[in-house]
Structures are given as C-alpha cells and as structure tokens.
C-alpha cells in the first residue's frame, strides 16, 4: 500500500487505484464500509494480462479499513512478549482439543444458529470429549490396579466429571 497515492501494488507490479467507498450490509444486518480499488489500464500485453480477470473485467480489491486496523492490532498483541506466551499456551492447551473434536468426533460445524443454542451444542460436544478423556483415565487406572473395585472406579469417574476444571456445562442447558 502506498499512502501518498492511496493505491496498492501486487506482486506483478500492477497498481490498483482507489475508485469508491460503499457500504455493504450482511445477512445479519451488520453494515461494513468498504474501499474499492481497481487495477489501472495497461497497454502492454504483460500488464494487461494481469490487470483483468478471466472474464475480461478489470481486477479489483475490496478493503475493509476497520477490519485491517483490527488485524494490525492483533498482530502487535501477538508479537509482544505477553501475547507470544499466551499464544504458545493456546497451541498446547486448546488446539489439540479442537483437533480431537474435528478428527475423532467428526465435529466440524454447529448445526444450530444463535448464541445460546450454539453455546449449548458446543457444551454438549465438549462434554462428550471430556467423557471420552475421563473414561480413558479410568480404564488405564483399572488396568494398573486390578485390586480397585468397580464402586471406586465409578466414584472416581463422577469425581472427575463434576469436579474437573476442564468440564463445560452451559448454564442455559435445560
């Protein structure tokens, strides 16, 4: 981006000049301000080839300045010492959980819409993951110690279920 000319240049050295500002409303009614930039016209075949689309239209870029500002702020936060340490923990603590949900439990999308419904569905899915994890712990402890009775195993299971910090039960579940 060149601030002096208010234009962008891509990897093929095609310059995109500012054309217009417009508002776009999404299906939820949220309005976004978009800045549109179009590729400049070129007479030479090399520049002309990169400045048009396959259909022959002029290439364009739509930029949401608010979104770009938010992305810059997040990059600054993540590159700070504190942000880097938090992000490093996330990779260890959180990402494997979502990877397990996607790969092993085949959970890739929510089937409901709305914040409360989504919280409830995600809570049930996370509980299923927690139950699976707890059963592995119980089974491994059962194999290690054949002396423990079934009653102790059941008690241990429910202790893990209800007193574990990783359990998630949404407050709105009815």
Protein backbone atom coordinates (compact mmCIF):
# COMPACT_ATOMS: atom_id res chain seq x y z
CA UNK A 1 0.00 0.00 0.00
CA UNK A 2 1.25 3.48 -0.90
CA UNK A 3 -0.26 6.10 1.39
CA UNK A 4 0.80 9.04 -0.81
CA UNK A 5 -1.13 7.82 -3.88
CA UNK A 6 -3.77 5.78 -1.99
CA UNK A 7 -3.03 2.74 -4.11
CA UNK A 8 -1.92 -0.88 -3.84
CA UNK A 9 0.66 -2.71 -5.94
CA UNK A 10 0.53 -6.50 -6.37
CA UNK A 11 3.34 -9.00 -6.97
CA UNK A 12 3.12 -8.43 -10.77
CA UNK A 13 3.62 -4.66 -10.28
CA UNK A 14 0.02 -3.92 -11.25
CA UNK A 15 -1.19 -0.77 -9.50
CA UNK A 16 -4.68 -0.65 -8.01
CA UNK A 17 -6.05 2.88 -7.66
CA UNK A 18 -8.86 3.99 -5.36
CA UNK A 19 -12.29 4.07 -7.06
CA UNK A 20 -15.05 4.33 -4.46
CA UNK A 21 -16.29 3.86 -0.91
CA UNK A 22 -19.51 1.94 -0.35
CA UNK A 23 -21.40 0.27 2.47
CA UNK A 24 -22.17 -3.44 2.44
CA UNK A 25 -24.82 -4.98 4.69
CA UNK A 26 -24.51 -8.68 5.53
CA UNK A 27 -27.39 -11.08 6.09
CA UNK A 28 -27.40 -10.27 9.83
CA UNK A 29 -27.89 -6.56 9.16
CA UNK A 30 -24.33 -5.55 10.09
CA UNK A 31 -23.06 -2.71 7.91
CA UNK A 32 -19.44 -2.51 6.76
CA UNK A 33 -17.67 0.34 4.97
CA UNK A 34 -15.63 -0.95 2.03
CA UNK A 35 -12.99 0.85 -0.06
CA UNK A 36 -12.75 -0.42 -3.65
CA UNK A 37 -9.53 -0.28 -5.69
CA UNK A 38 -9.35 -1.20 -9.40
CA UNK A 39 -6.34 -2.22 -11.48
CA UNK A 40 -5.04 0.50 -13.77
CA UNK A 41 -5.36 0.04 -17.55
CA UNK A 42 -2.18 -1.17 -19.28
CA UNK A 43 -1.33 -1.10 -22.98
CA UNK A 44 1.46 -3.67 -22.89
CA UNK A 45 0.32 -7.33 -23.09
CA UNK A 46 2.11 -8.36 -19.88
CA UNK A 47 0.42 -5.70 -17.71
CA UNK A 48 -2.91 -6.11 -19.48
CA UNK A 49 -2.93 -9.86 -18.81
CA UNK A 50 -2.53 -9.34 -15.04
CA UNK A 51 -4.90 -6.37 -14.77
CA UNK A 52 -8.02 -8.22 -15.99
CA UNK A 53 -9.94 -11.25 -14.76
CA UNK A 54 -10.58 -14.41 -16.80
CA UNK A 55 -13.91 -12.94 -17.92
CA UNK A 56 -12.22 -9.78 -19.19
CA UNK A 57 -13.30 -7.49 -16.32
CA UNK A 58 -10.94 -5.10 -14.61
CA UNK A 59 -9.44 -6.70 -11.46
CA UNK A 60 -10.44 -5.05 -8.20
CA UNK A 61 -9.70 -5.29 -4.47
CA UNK A 62 -12.16 -4.53 -1.68
CA UNK A 63 -10.64 -3.37 1.60
CA UNK A 64 -12.44 -3.03 4.92
CA UNK A 65 -10.34 -0.41 6.78
CA UNK A 66 -11.83 -1.28 10.18
CA UNK A 67 -11.01 -4.98 9.72
CA UNK A 68 -7.47 -4.17 8.54
CA UNK A 69 -6.92 -1.99 11.64
CA UNK A 70 -8.15 -4.80 13.89
CA UNK A 71 -5.79 -7.28 12.20
CA UNK A 72 -2.84 -4.89 12.74
CA UNK A 73 -3.73 -4.55 16.44
CA UNK A 74 -3.92 -8.34 16.84
CA UNK A 75 -0.54 -8.77 15.09
CA UNK A 76 1.01 -6.25 17.51
CA UNK A 77 -0.52 -8.05 20.51
CA UNK A 78 0.62 -11.47 19.29
CA UNK A 79 4.15 -10.27 18.60
CA UNK A 80 4.53 -8.84 22.13
CA UNK A 81 6.19 -10.96 24.80
CA UNK A 82 2.95 -11.46 26.73
CA UNK A 83 0.95 -12.26 23.60
CA UNK A 84 3.56 -14.75 22.40
CA UNK A 85 3.46 -16.61 25.74
CA UNK A 86 -0.35 -16.74 25.73
CA UNK A 87 -0.38 -17.96 22.12
CA UNK A 88 2.21 -20.63 22.94
CA UNK A 89 -0.06 -21.93 25.73
CA UNK A 90 -3.04 -21.94 23.39
CA UNK A 91 -1.22 -24.23 20.96
CA UNK A 92 -0.60 -26.72 23.76
CA UNK A 93 -3.83 -26.47 25.77
CA UNK A 94 -6.64 -25.56 23.37
CA UNK A 95 -5.79 -26.53 19.80
CA UNK A 96 -5.42 -30.28 20.49
CA UNK A 97 -8.95 -30.29 21.95
CA UNK A 98 -10.43 -28.80 18.78
CA UNK A 99 -8.28 -31.07 16.62
CA UNK A 100 -9.62 -34.08 18.53
CA UNK A 101 -13.21 -32.87 18.15
CA UNK A 102 -12.77 -32.43 14.42
CA UNK A 103 -10.74 -35.54 13.64
CA UNK A 104 -12.01 -38.13 16.12
CA UNK A 105 -15.54 -36.99 16.91
CA UNK A 106 -16.21 -35.70 13.35
CA UNK A 107 -17.50 -32.38 14.69
CA UNK A 108 -16.82 -29.73 12.06
CA UNK A 109 -19.82 -27.40 12.17
CA UNK A 110 -22.54 -26.30 14.52
CA UNK A 111 -25.98 -27.45 13.44
CA UNK A 112 -27.84 -24.60 15.15
CA UNK A 113 -27.88 -20.81 14.89
CA UNK A 114 -27.95 -18.23 17.64
CA UNK A 115 -25.54 -17.64 20.50
CA UNK A 116 -27.44 -19.53 23.21
CA UNK A 117 -28.14 -22.55 21.02
CA UNK A 118 -24.53 -22.61 19.80
CA UNK A 119 -23.26 -22.48 23.42
CA UNK A 120 -25.50 -25.41 24.33
CA UNK A 121 -24.43 -27.53 21.36
CA UNK A 122 -20.74 -26.77 21.88
CA UNK A 123 -21.13 -27.57 25.58
CA UNK A 124 -22.56 -30.99 24.76
CA UNK A 125 -19.76 -31.69 22.27
CA UNK A 126 -17.08 -30.60 24.78
CA UNK A 127 -18.72 -32.76 27.45
CA UNK A 128 -18.55 -35.75 25.09
CA UNK A 129 -14.85 -35.08 24.64
CA UNK A 130 -14.38 -34.82 28.39
CA UNK A 131 -16.28 -38.06 28.99
CA UNK A 132 -14.10 -39.84 26.46
CA UNK A 133 -10.97 -38.49 28.15
CA UNK A 134 -12.21 -39.49 31.62
CA UNK A 135 -13.07 -43.00 30.52
CA UNK A 136 -9.50 -43.39 29.22
CA UNK A 137 -8.18 -42.31 32.63
CA UNK A 138 -10.49 -44.73 34.44
CA UNK A 139 -9.64 -47.64 32.14
CA UNK A 140 -5.91 -47.02 32.45
CA UNK A 141 -6.16 -46.84 36.25
CA UNK A 142 -8.25 -50.03 36.23
CA UNK A 143 -5.58 -51.86 34.22
CA UNK A 144 -2.84 -50.61 36.55
CA UNK A 145 -4.63 -51.66 39.69
CA UNK A 146 -6.79 -54.75 39.43
CA UNK A 147 -7.45 -54.53 43.19
CA UNK A 148 -9.74 -51.49 42.96
CA UNK A 149 -13.41 -52.28 42.95
CA UNK A 150 -15.97 -51.16 40.38
CA UNK A 151 -17.54 -48.86 43.00
CA UNK A 152 -14.25 -46.98 43.41
CA UNK A 153 -13.94 -46.62 39.64
CA UNK A 154 -17.45 -45.22 39.34
CA UNK A 155 -16.78 -42.80 42.20
CA UNK A 156 -13.57 -41.68 40.53
CA UNK A 157 -15.40 -41.17 37.25
CA UNK A 158 -18.04 -38.93 38.83
CA UNK A 159 -15.42 -37.00 40.79
CA UNK A 160 -13.59 -36.30 37.56
CA UNK A 161 -16.83 -35.41 35.81
CA UNK A 162 -18.19 -32.98 38.36
CA UNK A 163 -15.06 -31.52 39.91
CA UNK A 164 -12.82 -31.26 36.87
CA UNK A 165 -11.83 -27.78 35.77
CA UNK A 166 -11.99 -28.84 32.13
CA UNK A 167 -15.64 -29.81 32.23
CA UNK A 168 -18.01 -27.46 30.48
CA UNK A 169 -21.72 -27.39 31.12
CA UNK A 170 -23.55 -24.36 29.77
CA UNK A 171 -25.64 -22.52 32.33
CA UNK A 172 -28.55 -22.29 29.88
CA UNK A 173 -28.83 -26.05 29.26
CA UNK A 174 -32.42 -27.14 30.05
